[in-house]
């Protein structure tokens, strides 16, 4: 399976199509969030950089939204850290299940 590059997906680089990237960015839609949100990330994720997640966290805080987050430091597995069989992954999955149990009936 061949993944599309950002240029193919949107048609241009971010600096060439700022408004389209902004339109698709969850950061610019944070105020619309209506349900509690849990965010887990790790500092070594090369797919979703921690800086992007920090921008989302700041936007959610600014909008007064209900959310929880945890930033793991260099978790083994990077982007897929909580999908592998490590102590840290199990901890992350338990936090997800606990979060869901609090908000789902």
PDB file of N, CA and C in Angstrom:
ATOM      1  N   UNK A   1       0.839  -1.171   0.000  1.00  0.00           N
ATOM      2  CA  UNK A   1       0.000   0.000   0.000  1.00  0.00           C
ATOM      3  C   UNK A   1       0.886   1.237   0.000  1.00  0.00           C
ATOM      4  N   UNK A   2       0.634   2.137  -0.882  1.00  0.00           N
ATOM      5  CA  UNK A   2       1.411   3.371  -0.986  1.00  0.00           C
ATOM      6  C   UNK A   2       0.655   4.488  -0.287  1.00  0.00           C
ATOM      7  N   UNK A   3       1.291   5.126   0.676  1.00  0.00           N
ATOM      8  CA  UNK A   3       0.682   6.253   1.357  1.00  0.00           C
ATOM      9  C   UNK A   3       0.928   7.521   0.564  1.00  0.00           C
ATOM     10  N   UNK A   4      -0.076   8.368   0.546  1.00  0.00           N
ATOM     11  CA  UNK A   4       0.068   9.629  -0.160  1.00  0.00           C
ATOM     12  C   UNK A   4       0.891  10.605   0.658  1.00  0.00           C
ATOM     13  N   UNK A   5       1.662  11.407  -0.009  1.00  0.00           N
ATOM     14  CA  UNK A   5       2.401  12.463   0.677  1.00  0.00           C
ATOM     15  C   UNK A   5       1.451  13.629   0.911  1.00  0.00           C
ATOM     16  N   UNK A   6       1.771  14.548   1.832  1.00  0.00           N
ATOM     17  CA  UNK A   6       0.904  15.709   2.057  1.00  0.00           C
ATOM     18  C   UNK A   6       0.658  16.513   0.784  1.00  0.00           C
ATOM     19  N   UNK A   7       1.652  16.566  -0.107  1.00  0.00           N
ATOM     20  CA  UNK A   7       1.479  17.325  -1.336  1.00  0.00           C
ATOM     21  C   UNK A   7       0.372  16.707  -2.189  1.00  0.00           C
ATOM     22  N   UNK A   8       0.337  15.368  -2.253  1.00  0.00           N
ATOM     23  CA  UNK A   8      -0.674  14.702  -3.057  1.00  0.00           C
ATOM     24  C   UNK A   8      -2.038  14.764  -2.390  1.00  0.00           C
ATOM     25  N   UNK A   9      -2.060  14.664  -1.102  1.00  0.00           N
ATOM     26  CA  UNK A   9      -3.322  14.634  -0.380  1.00  0.00           C
ATOM     27  C   UNK A   9      -4.038  15.970  -0.473  1.00  0.00           C
ATOM     28  N   UNK A  10      -3.346  17.041  -0.222  1.00  0.00           N
ATOM     29  CA  UNK A  10      -3.948  18.377  -0.261  1.00  0.00           C
ATOM     30  C   UNK A  10      -3.628  19.072  -1.583  1.00  0.00           C
ATOM     31  N   UNK A  11      -2.528  18.721  -2.167  1.00  0.00           N
ATOM     32  CA  UNK A  11      -2.169  19.323  -3.446  1.00  0.00           C
ATOM     33  C   UNK A  11      -1.043  20.338  -3.364  1.00  0.00           C
ATOM     34  N   UNK A  12      -0.715  20.757  -2.154  1.00  0.00           N
ATOM     35  CA  UNK A  12       0.341  21.747  -1.969  1.00  0.00           C
ATOM     36  C   UNK A  12       1.005  21.564  -0.613  1.00  0.00           C
ATOM     37  N   UNK A  13       2.158  22.136  -0.464  1.00  0.00           N
ATOM     38  CA  UNK A  13       2.848  22.164   0.820  1.00  0.00           C
ATOM     39  C   UNK A  13       2.110  23.138   1.750  1.00  0.00           C
ATOM     40  N   UNK A  14       2.261  22.978   3.082  1.00  0.00           N
ATOM     41  CA  UNK A  14       1.565  23.870   4.014  1.00  0.00           C
ATOM     42  C   UNK A  14       1.793  25.348   3.736  1.00  0.00           C
ATOM     43  N   UNK A  15       3.022  25.728   3.438  1.00  0.00           N
ATOM     44  CA  UNK A  15       3.293  27.146   3.207  1.00  0.00           C
ATOM     45  C   UNK A  15       2.649  27.668   1.927  1.00  0.00           C
ATOM     46  N   UNK A  16       2.243  26.765   1.033  1.00  0.00           N
ATOM     47  CA  UNK A  16       1.603  27.167  -0.216  1.00  0.00           C
ATOM     48  C   UNK A  16       0.081  27.142  -0.131  1.00  0.00           C
ATOM     49  N   UNK A  17      -0.449  26.564   0.943  1.00  0.00           N
ATOM     50  CA  UNK A  17      -1.898  26.446   1.085  1.00  0.00           C
ATOM     51  C   UNK A  17      -2.272  26.490   2.575  1.00  0.00           C
ATOM     52  N   UNK A  18      -1.890  27.555   3.208  1.00  0.00           N
ATOM     53  CA  UNK A  18      -2.054  27.706   4.655  1.00  0.00           C
ATOM     54  C   UNK A  18      -3.510  27.517   5.077  1.00  0.00           C
ATOM     55  N   UNK A  19      -4.439  28.102   4.371  1.00  0.00           N
ATOM     56  CA  UNK A  19      -5.838  28.041   4.781  1.00  0.00           C
ATOM     57  C   UNK A  19      -6.398  26.628   4.724  1.00  0.00           C
ATOM     58  N   UNK A  20      -5.989  25.850   3.750  1.00  0.00           N
ATOM     59  CA  UNK A  20      -6.471  24.473   3.674  1.00  0.00           C
ATOM     60  C   UNK A  20      -5.917  23.638   4.826  1.00  0.00           C
ATOM     61  N   UNK A  21      -4.652  23.812   5.135  1.00  0.00           N
ATOM     62  CA  UNK A  21      -4.073  23.092   6.274  1.00  0.00           C
ATOM     63  C   UNK A  21      -4.736  23.544   7.575  1.00  0.00           C
ATOM     64  N   UNK A  22      -5.015  24.808   7.698  1.00  0.00           N
ATOM     65  CA  UNK A  22      -5.689  25.320   8.891  1.00  0.00           C
ATOM     66  C   UNK A  22      -7.106  24.745   8.981  1.00  0.00           C
ATOM     67  N   UNK A  23      -7.802  24.684   7.865  1.00  0.00           N
ATOM     68  CA  UNK A  23      -9.164  24.155   7.846  1.00  0.00           C
ATOM     69  C   UNK A  23      -9.201  22.707   8.341  1.00  0.00           C
ATOM     70  N   UNK A  24      -8.177  21.930   8.041  1.00  0.00           N
ATOM     71  CA  UNK A  24      -8.133  20.518   8.415  1.00  0.00           C
ATOM     72  C   UNK A  24      -7.489  20.261   9.772  1.00  0.00           C
ATOM     73  N   UNK A  25      -6.905  21.262  10.363  1.00  0.00           N
ATOM     74  CA  UNK A  25      -6.186  21.091  11.625  1.00  0.00           C
ATOM     75  C   UNK A  25      -7.142  21.009  12.809  1.00  0.00           C
ATOM     76  N   UNK A  26      -7.013  19.977  13.650  1.00  0.00           N
ATOM     77  CA  UNK A  26      -7.872  19.903  14.836  1.00  0.00           C
ATOM     78  C   UNK A  26      -7.655  21.067  15.802  1.00  0.00           C
ATOM     79  N   UNK A  27      -6.495  21.670  15.782  1.00  0.00           N
ATOM     80  CA  UNK A  27      -6.210  22.798  16.671  1.00  0.00           C
ATOM     81  C   UNK A  27      -7.195  23.939  16.435  1.00  0.00           C
ATOM     82  N   UNK A  28      -7.524  24.185  15.175  1.00  0.00           N
ATOM     83  CA  UNK A  28      -8.416  25.290  14.850  1.00  0.00           C
ATOM     84  C   UNK A  28      -9.892  24.940  15.050  1.00  0.00           C
ATOM     85  N   UNK A  29     -10.150  23.714  15.497  1.00  0.00           N
ATOM     86  CA  UNK A  29     -11.517  23.281  15.775  1.00  0.00           C
ATOM     87  C   UNK A  29     -11.701  22.876  17.235  1.00  0.00           C
ATOM     88  N   UNK A  30     -10.730  23.140  18.069  1.00  0.00           N
ATOM     89  CA  UNK A  30     -10.765  22.713  19.473  1.00  0.00           C
ATOM     90  C   UNK A  30     -11.992  23.252  20.207  1.00  0.00           C
ATOM     91  N   UNK A  31     -12.405  24.453  19.906  1.00  0.00           N
ATOM     92  CA  UNK A  31     -13.553  25.060  20.586  1.00  0.00           C
ATOM     93  C   UNK A  31     -14.849  24.313  20.298  1.00  0.00           C
ATOM     94  N   UNK A  32     -14.884  23.510  19.255  1.00  0.00           N
ATOM     95  CA  UNK A  32     -16.092  22.765  18.895  1.00  0.00           C
ATOM     96  C   UNK A  32     -16.236  21.449  19.663  1.00  0.00           C
ATOM     97  N   UNK A  33     -15.218  21.057  20.402  1.00  0.00           N
ATOM     98  CA  UNK A  33     -15.245  19.786  21.124  1.00  0.00           C
ATOM     99  C   UNK A  33     -16.419  19.763  22.100  1.00  0.00           C
ATOM    100  N   UNK A  34     -17.195  18.674  22.065  1.00  0.00           N
ATOM    101  CA  UNK A  34     -18.365  18.577  22.926  1.00  0.00           C
ATOM    102  C   UNK A  34     -18.289  17.429  23.923  1.00  0.00           C
ATOM    103  N   UNK A  35     -17.298  16.573  23.800  1.00  0.00           N
ATOM    104  CA  UNK A  35     -17.174  15.438  24.712  1.00  0.00           C
ATOM    105  C   UNK A  35     -15.776  15.433  25.325  1.00  0.00           C
ATOM    106  N   UNK A  36     -15.627  14.821  26.488  1.00  0.00           N
ATOM    107  CA  UNK A  36     -14.294  14.727  27.089  1.00  0.00           C
ATOM    108  C   UNK A  36     -13.320  14.017  26.146  1.00  0.00           C
ATOM    109  N   UNK A  37     -12.075  14.391  26.230  1.00  0.00           N
ATOM    110  CA  UNK A  37     -11.052  13.863  25.335  1.00  0.00           C
ATOM    111  C   UNK A  37      -9.843  13.425  26.142  1.00  0.00           C
ATOM    112  N   UNK A  38      -9.262  12.309  25.744  1.00  0.00           N
ATOM    113  CA  UNK A  38      -8.010  11.834  26.334  1.00  0.00           C
ATOM    114  C   UNK A  38      -6.947  11.858  25.247  1.00  0.00           C
ATOM    115  N   UNK A  39      -5.814  12.466  25.556  1.00  0.00           N
ATOM    116  CA  UNK A  39      -4.696  12.539  24.619  1.00  0.00           C
ATOM    117  C   UNK A  39      -3.496  11.848  25.240  1.00  0.00           C
ATOM    118  N   UNK A  40      -2.933  10.893  24.537  1.00  0.00           N
ATOM    119  CA  UNK A  40      -1.666  10.270  24.909  1.00  0.00           C
ATOM    120  C   UNK A  40      -0.707  10.456  23.750  1.00  0.00           C
ATOM    121  N   UNK A  41       0.500  10.877  24.052  1.00  0.00           N
ATOM    122  CA  UNK A  41       1.527  11.024  23.024  1.00  0.00           C
ATOM    123  C   UNK A  41       2.883  10.723  23.643  1.00  0.00           C
ATOM    124  N   UNK A  42       3.883  10.661  22.793  1.00  0.00           N
ATOM    125  CA  UNK A  42       5.245  10.454  23.271  1.00  0.00           C
ATOM    126  C   UNK A  42       6.177  11.409  22.534  1.00  0.00           C
ATOM    127  N   UNK A  43       7.229  11.782  23.207  1.00  0.00           N
ATOM    128  CA  UNK A  43       8.149  12.777  22.655  1.00  0.00           C
ATOM    129  C   UNK A  43       8.920  12.288  21.433  1.00  0.00           C
ATOM    130  N   UNK A  44       8.949  10.984  21.205  1.00  0.00           N
ATOM    131  CA  UNK A  44       9.709  10.471  20.055  1.00  0.00           C
ATOM    132  C   UNK A  44       8.810  10.051  18.890  1.00  0.00           C
ATOM    133  N   UNK A  45       7.573  10.506  18.891  1.00  0.00           N
ATOM    134  CA  UNK A  45       6.652  10.208  17.792  1.00  0.00           C
ATOM    135  C   UNK A  45       7.045  11.061  16.589  1.00  0.00           C
ATOM    136  N   UNK A  46       7.411  10.419  15.497  1.00  0.00           N
ATOM    137  CA  UNK A  46       7.810  11.151  14.290  1.00  0.00           C
ATOM    138  C   UNK A  46       6.641  11.361  13.338  1.00  0.00           C
ATOM    139  N   UNK A  47       5.499  10.758  13.635  1.00  0.00           N
ATOM    140  CA  UNK A  47       4.323  10.922  12.790  1.00  0.00           C
ATOM    141  C   UNK A  47       3.504  12.124  13.257  1.00  0.00           C
ATOM    142  N   UNK A  48       3.205  12.166  14.546  1.00  0.00           N
ATOM    143  CA  UNK A  48       2.507  13.304  15.145  1.00  0.00           C
ATOM    144  C   UNK A  48       3.473  13.895  16.168  1.00  0.00           C
ATOM    145  N   UNK A  49       4.137  14.943  15.788  1.00  0.00           N
ATOM    146  CA  UNK A  49       5.169  15.533  16.632  1.00  0.00           C
ATOM    147  C   UNK A  49       4.562  16.105  17.916  1.00  0.00           C
ATOM    148  N   UNK A  50       5.299  15.976  18.993  1.00  0.00           N
ATOM    149  CA  UNK A  50       4.819  16.421  20.298  1.00  0.00           C
ATOM    150  C   UNK A  50       4.472  17.914  20.277  1.00  0.00           C
ATOM    151  N   UNK A  51       5.137  18.697  19.475  1.00  0.00           N
ATOM    152  CA  UNK A  51       4.818  20.118  19.373  1.00  0.00           C
ATOM    153  C   UNK A  51       3.395  20.320  18.848  1.00  0.00           C
ATOM    154  N   UNK A  52       2.972  19.484  17.900  1.00  0.00           N
ATOM    155  CA  UNK A  52       1.602  19.564  17.391  1.00  0.00           C
ATOM    156  C   UNK A  52       0.604  19.236  18.501  1.00  0.00           C
ATOM    157  N   UNK A  53       0.925  18.230  19.290  1.00  0.00           N
ATOM    158  CA  UNK A  53       0.051  17.837  20.398  1.00  0.00           C
ATOM    159  C   UNK A  53       0.005  18.949  21.442  1.00  0.00           C
ATOM    160  N   UNK A  54       1.141  19.559  21.715  1.00  0.00           N
ATOM    161  CA  UNK A  54       1.166  20.664  22.676  1.00  0.00           C
ATOM    162  C   UNK A  54       0.324  21.841  22.189  1.00  0.00           C
ATOM    163  N   UNK A  55       0.301  22.084  20.886  1.00  0.00           N
ATOM    164  CA  UNK A  55      -0.561  23.140  20.329  1.00  0.00           C
ATOM    165  C   UNK A  55      -2.032  22.788  20.554  1.00  0.00           C
ATOM    166  N   UNK A  56      -2.358  21.520  20.371  1.00  0.00           N
ATOM    167  CA  UNK A  56      -3.739  21.080  20.596  1.00  0.00           C
ATOM    168  C   UNK A  56      -4.114  21.238  22.064  1.00  0.00           C
ATOM    169  N   UNK A  57      -3.235  20.854  22.954  1.00  0.00           N
ATOM    170  CA  UNK A  57      -3.480  20.991  24.392  1.00  0.00           C
ATOM    171  C   UNK A  57      -3.721  22.464  24.744  1.00  0.00           C
ATOM    172  N   UNK A  58      -2.890  23.344  24.214  1.00  0.00           N
ATOM    173  CA  UNK A  58      -3.049  24.783  24.480  1.00  0.00           C
ATOM    174  C   UNK A  58      -4.389  25.295  23.949  1.00  0.00           C
ATOM    175  N   UNK A  59      -4.792  24.843  22.773  1.00  0.00           N
ATOM    176  CA  UNK A  59      -6.067  25.273  22.196  1.00  0.00           C
ATOM    177  C   UNK A  59      -7.241  24.768  23.034  1.00  0.00           C
ATOM    178  N   UNK A  60      -7.157  23.536  23.507  1.00  0.00           N
ATOM    179  CA  UNK A  60      -8.225  22.991  24.355  1.00  0.00           C
ATOM    180  C   UNK A  60      -8.309  23.741  25.681  1.00  0.00           C
ATOM    181  N   UNK A  61      -7.156  24.065  26.254  1.00  0.00           N
ATOM    182  CA  UNK A  61      -7.146  24.835  27.504  1.00  0.00           C
ATOM    183  C   UNK A  61      -7.746  26.214  27.278  1.00  0.00           C
ATOM    184  N   UNK A  62      -7.352  26.866  26.194  1.00  0.00           N
ATOM    185  CA  UNK A  62      -7.859  28.209  25.895  1.00  0.00           C
ATOM    186  C   UNK A  62      -9.370  28.206  25.688  1.00  0.00           C
ATOM    187  N   UNK A  63      -9.892  27.101  25.147  1.00  0.00           N
ATOM    188  CA  UNK A  63     -11.334  26.990  24.900  1.00  0.00           C
ATOM    189  C   UNK A  63     -12.096  26.477  26.128  1.00  0.00           C
ATOM    190  N   UNK A  64     -11.373  26.168  27.206  1.00  0.00           N
ATOM    191  CA  UNK A  64     -12.010  25.695  28.428  1.00  0.00           C
ATOM    192  C   UNK A  64     -12.638  24.316  28.288  1.00  0.00           C
ATOM    193  N   UNK A  65     -12.045  23.467  27.467  1.00  0.00           N
ATOM    194  CA  UNK A  65     -12.600  22.144  27.204  1.00  0.00           C
ATOM    195  C   UNK A  65     -12.171  21.127  28.251  1.00  0.00           C
ATOM    196  N   UNK A  66     -12.994  20.095  28.403  1.00  0.00           N
ATOM    197  CA  UNK A  66     -12.710  19.028  29.354  1.00  0.00           C
ATOM    198  C   UNK A  66     -11.874  17.969  28.654  1.00  0.00           C
ATOM    199  N   UNK A  67     -10.639  17.800  29.123  1.00  0.00           N
ATOM    200  CA  UNK A  67      -9.748  16.816  28.516  1.00  0.00           C
ATOM    201  C   UNK A  67      -8.666  16.445  29.510  1.00  0.00           C
ATOM    202  N   UNK A  68      -8.041  15.328  29.225  1.00  0.00           N
ATOM    203  CA  UNK A  68      -6.895  14.862  29.998  1.00  0.00           C
ATOM    204  C   UNK A  68      -5.797  14.533  29.007  1.00  0.00           C
ATOM    205  N   UNK A  69      -4.570  14.622  29.462  1.00  0.00           N
ATOM    206  CA  UNK A  69      -3.473  14.281  28.562  1.00  0.00           C
ATOM    207  C   UNK A  69      -2.282  13.759  29.334  1.00  0.00           C
ATOM    208  N   UNK A  70      -1.466  13.029  28.618  1.00  0.00           N
ATOM    209  CA  UNK A  70      -0.212  12.543  29.180  1.00  0.00           C
ATOM    210  C   UNK A  70       0.807  12.508  28.049  1.00  0.00           C
ATOM    211  N   UNK A  71       1.956  13.074  28.307  1.00  0.00           N
ATOM    212  CA  UNK A  71       3.057  13.057  27.336  1.00  0.00           C
ATOM    213  C   UNK A  71       4.135  12.144  27.890  1.00  0.00           C
ATOM    214  N   UNK A  72       4.318  11.014  27.236  1.00  0.00           N
ATOM    215  CA  UNK A  72       5.338  10.057  27.637  1.00  0.00           C
ATOM    216  C   UNK A  72       6.683  10.489  27.056  1.00  0.00           C
ATOM    217  N   UNK A  73       7.743  10.198  27.765  1.00  0.00           N
ATOM    218  CA  UNK A  73       9.094  10.552  27.327  1.00  0.00           C
ATOM    219  C   UNK A  73       9.741   9.376  26.592  1.00  0.00           C
ATOM    220  N   UNK A  74       9.973   9.542  25.303  1.00  0.00           N
ATOM    221  CA  UNK A  74      10.685   8.545  24.480  1.00  0.00           C
ATOM    222  C   UNK A  74      10.180   7.121  24.693  1.00  0.00           C
ATOM    223  N   UNK A  75       8.887   6.942  24.610  1.00  0.00           N
ATOM    224  CA  UNK A  75       8.287   5.617  24.809  1.00  0.00           C
ATOM    225  C   UNK A  75       8.722   4.656  23.707  1.00  0.00           C
ATOM    226  N   UNK A  76       9.091   3.428  24.068  1.00  0.00           N
ATOM    227  CA  UNK A  76       9.434   2.431  23.052  1.00  0.00           C
ATOM    228  C   UNK A  76       8.256   2.234  22.098  1.00  0.00           C
ATOM    229  N   UNK A  77       8.546   2.228  20.816  1.00  0.00           N
ATOM    230  CA  UNK A  77       7.507   2.063  19.812  1.00  0.00           C
ATOM    231  C   UNK A  77       7.069   3.365  19.174  1.00  0.00           C
ATOM    232  N   UNK A  78       7.469   4.489  19.748  1.00  0.00           N
ATOM    233  CA  UNK A  78       7.160   5.821  19.214  1.00  0.00           C
ATOM    234  C   UNK A  78       5.657   5.961  18.943  1.00  0.00           C
ATOM    235  N   UNK A  79       5.254   6.237  17.705  1.00  0.00           N
ATOM    236  CA  UNK A  79       3.861   6.505  17.367  1.00  0.00           C
ATOM    237  C   UNK A  79       2.943   5.362  17.795  1.00  0.00           C
ATOM    238  N   UNK A  80       3.445   4.151  17.788  1.00  0.00           N
ATOM    239  CA  UNK A  80       2.642   2.975  18.136  1.00  0.00           C
ATOM    240  C   UNK A  80       2.923   2.489  19.563  1.00  0.00           C
ATOM    241  N   UNK A  81       3.416   3.371  20.421  1.00  0.00           N
ATOM    242  CA  UNK A  81       3.896   2.958  21.742  1.00  0.00           C
ATOM    243  C   UNK A  81       2.872   2.210  22.574  1.00  0.00           C
ATOM    244  N   UNK A  82       1.605   2.557  22.461  1.00  0.00           N
ATOM    245  CA  UNK A  82       0.641   1.876  23.322  1.00  0.00           C
ATOM    246  C   UNK A  82      -0.028   0.689  22.641  1.00  0.00           C
ATOM    247  N   UNK A  83       0.492   0.294  21.490  1.00  0.00           N
ATOM    248  CA  UNK A  83      -0.037  -0.879  20.791  1.00  0.00           C
ATOM    249  C   UNK A  83       0.902  -2.078  20.886  1.00  0.00           C
ATOM    250  N   UNK A  84       1.989  -1.909  21.613  1.00  0.00           N
ATOM    251  CA  UNK A  84       2.949  -3.002  21.746  1.00  0.00           C
ATOM    252  C   UNK A  84       2.884  -3.546  23.170  1.00  0.00           C
ATOM    253  N   UNK A  85       3.610  -4.606  23.429  1.00  0.00           N
ATOM    254  CA  UNK A  85       3.520  -5.270  24.722  1.00  0.00           C
ATOM    255  C   UNK A  85       4.658  -4.836  25.640  1.00  0.00           C
ATOM    256  N   UNK A  86       4.507  -3.658  26.224  1.00  0.00           N
ATOM    257  CA  UNK A  86       5.463  -3.163  27.207  1.00  0.00           C
ATOM    258  C   UNK A  86       4.676  -2.709  28.445  1.00  0.00           C
ATOM    259  N   UNK A  87       5.369  -2.529  29.530  1.00  0.00           N
ATOM    260  CA  UNK A  87       4.732  -2.048  30.755  1.00  0.00           C
ATOM    261  C   UNK A  87       4.077  -0.681  30.518  1.00  0.00           C
ATOM    262  N   UNK A  88       4.778   0.186  29.805  1.00  0.00           N
ATOM    263  CA  UNK A  88       4.268   1.522  29.512  1.00  0.00           C
ATOM    264  C   UNK A  88       3.010   1.454  28.646  1.00  0.00           C
ATOM    265  N   UNK A  89       3.018   0.573  27.663  1.00  0.00           N
ATOM    266  CA  UNK A  89       1.851   0.416  26.789  1.00  0.00           C
ATOM    267  C   UNK A  89       0.646  -0.070  27.586  1.00  0.00           C
ATOM    268  N   UNK A  90       0.879  -1.015  28.477  1.00  0.00           N
ATOM    269  CA  UNK A  90      -0.208  -1.533  29.312  1.00  0.00           C
ATOM    270  C   UNK A  90      -0.760  -0.425  30.210  1.00  0.00           C
ATOM    271  N   UNK A  91       0.124   0.413  30.736  1.00  0.00           N
ATOM    272  CA  UNK A  91      -0.292   1.544  31.564  1.00  0.00           C
ATOM    273  C   UNK A  91      -1.166   2.502  30.753  1.00  0.00           C
ATOM    274  N   UNK A  92      -0.731   2.796  29.542  1.00  0.00           N
ATOM    275  CA  UNK A  92      -1.482   3.698  28.682  1.00  0.00           C
ATOM    276  C   UNK A  92      -2.861   3.122  28.356  1.00  0.00           C
ATOM    277  N   UNK A  93      -2.904   1.850  28.009  1.00  0.00           N
ATOM    278  CA  UNK A  93      -4.188   1.223  27.685  1.00  0.00           C
ATOM    279  C   UNK A  93      -5.115   1.196  28.900  1.00  0.00           C
ATOM    280  N   UNK A  94      -4.570   0.943  30.079  1.00  0.00           N
ATOM    281  CA  UNK A  94      -5.396   0.957  31.291  1.00  0.00           C
ATOM    282  C   UNK A  94      -5.971   2.352  31.519  1.00  0.00           C
ATOM    283  N   UNK A  95      -5.165   3.383  31.306  1.00  0.00           N
ATOM    284  CA  UNK A  95      -5.665   4.752  31.455  1.00  0.00           C
ATOM    285  C   UNK A  95      -6.778   5.034  30.448  1.00  0.00           C
ATOM    286  N   UNK A  96      -6.653   4.500  29.238  1.00  0.00           N
ATOM    287  CA  UNK A  96      -7.704   4.681  28.236  1.00  0.00           C
ATOM    288  C   UNK A  96      -9.002   4.007  28.678  1.00  0.00           C
ATOM    289  N   UNK A  97      -8.900   2.751  29.134  1.00  0.00           N
ATOM    290  CA  UNK A  97     -10.091   2.030  29.586  1.00  0.00           C
ATOM    291  C   UNK A  97     -10.725   2.736  30.786  1.00  0.00           C
ATOM    292  N   UNK A  98      -9.916   3.206  31.717  1.00  0.00           N
ATOM    293  CA  UNK A  98     -10.437   3.929  32.881  1.00  0.00           C
ATOM    294  C   UNK A  98     -11.151   5.221  32.452  1.00  0.00           C
ATOM    295  N   UNK A  99     -10.564   5.907  31.496  1.00  0.00           N
ATOM    296  CA  UNK A  99     -11.168   7.144  30.962  1.00  0.00           C
ATOM    297  C   UNK A  99     -12.534   6.826  30.342  1.00  0.00           C
ATOM    298  N   UNK A 100     -12.551   5.807  29.500  1.00  0.00           N
ATOM    299  CA  UNK A 100     -13.812   5.416  28.856  1.00  0.00           C
ATOM    300  C   UNK A 100     -14.852   4.989  29.881  1.00  0.00           C
ATOM    301  N   UNK A 101     -14.437   4.277  30.899  1.00  0.00           N
ATOM    302  CA  UNK A 101     -15.367   3.830  31.937  1.00  0.00           C
ATOM    303  C   UNK A 101     -15.993   5.007  32.679  1.00  0.00           C
ATOM    304  N   UNK A 102     -15.245   6.088  32.839  1.00  0.00           N
ATOM    305  CA  UNK A 102     -15.776   7.270  33.523  1.00  0.00           C
ATOM    306  C   UNK A 102     -16.828   7.994  32.681  1.00  0.00           C
ATOM    307  N   UNK A 103     -16.703   7.948  31.373  1.00  0.00           N
ATOM    308  CA  UNK A 103     -17.567   8.783  30.526  1.00  0.00           C
ATOM    309  C   UNK A 103     -18.588   8.016  29.701  1.00  0.00           C
ATOM    310  N   UNK A 104     -18.463   6.725  29.582  1.00  0.00           N
ATOM    311  CA  UNK A 104     -19.436   5.942  28.813  1.00  0.00           C
ATOM    312  C   UNK A 104     -20.326   5.166  29.775  1.00  0.00           C
ATOM    313  N   UNK A 105     -21.555   5.081  29.455  1.00  0.00           N
ATOM    314  CA  UNK A 105     -22.509   4.344  30.289  1.00  0.00           C
ATOM    315  C   UNK A 105     -22.709   2.964  29.711  1.00  0.00           C
TER     316      UNK A 105
END
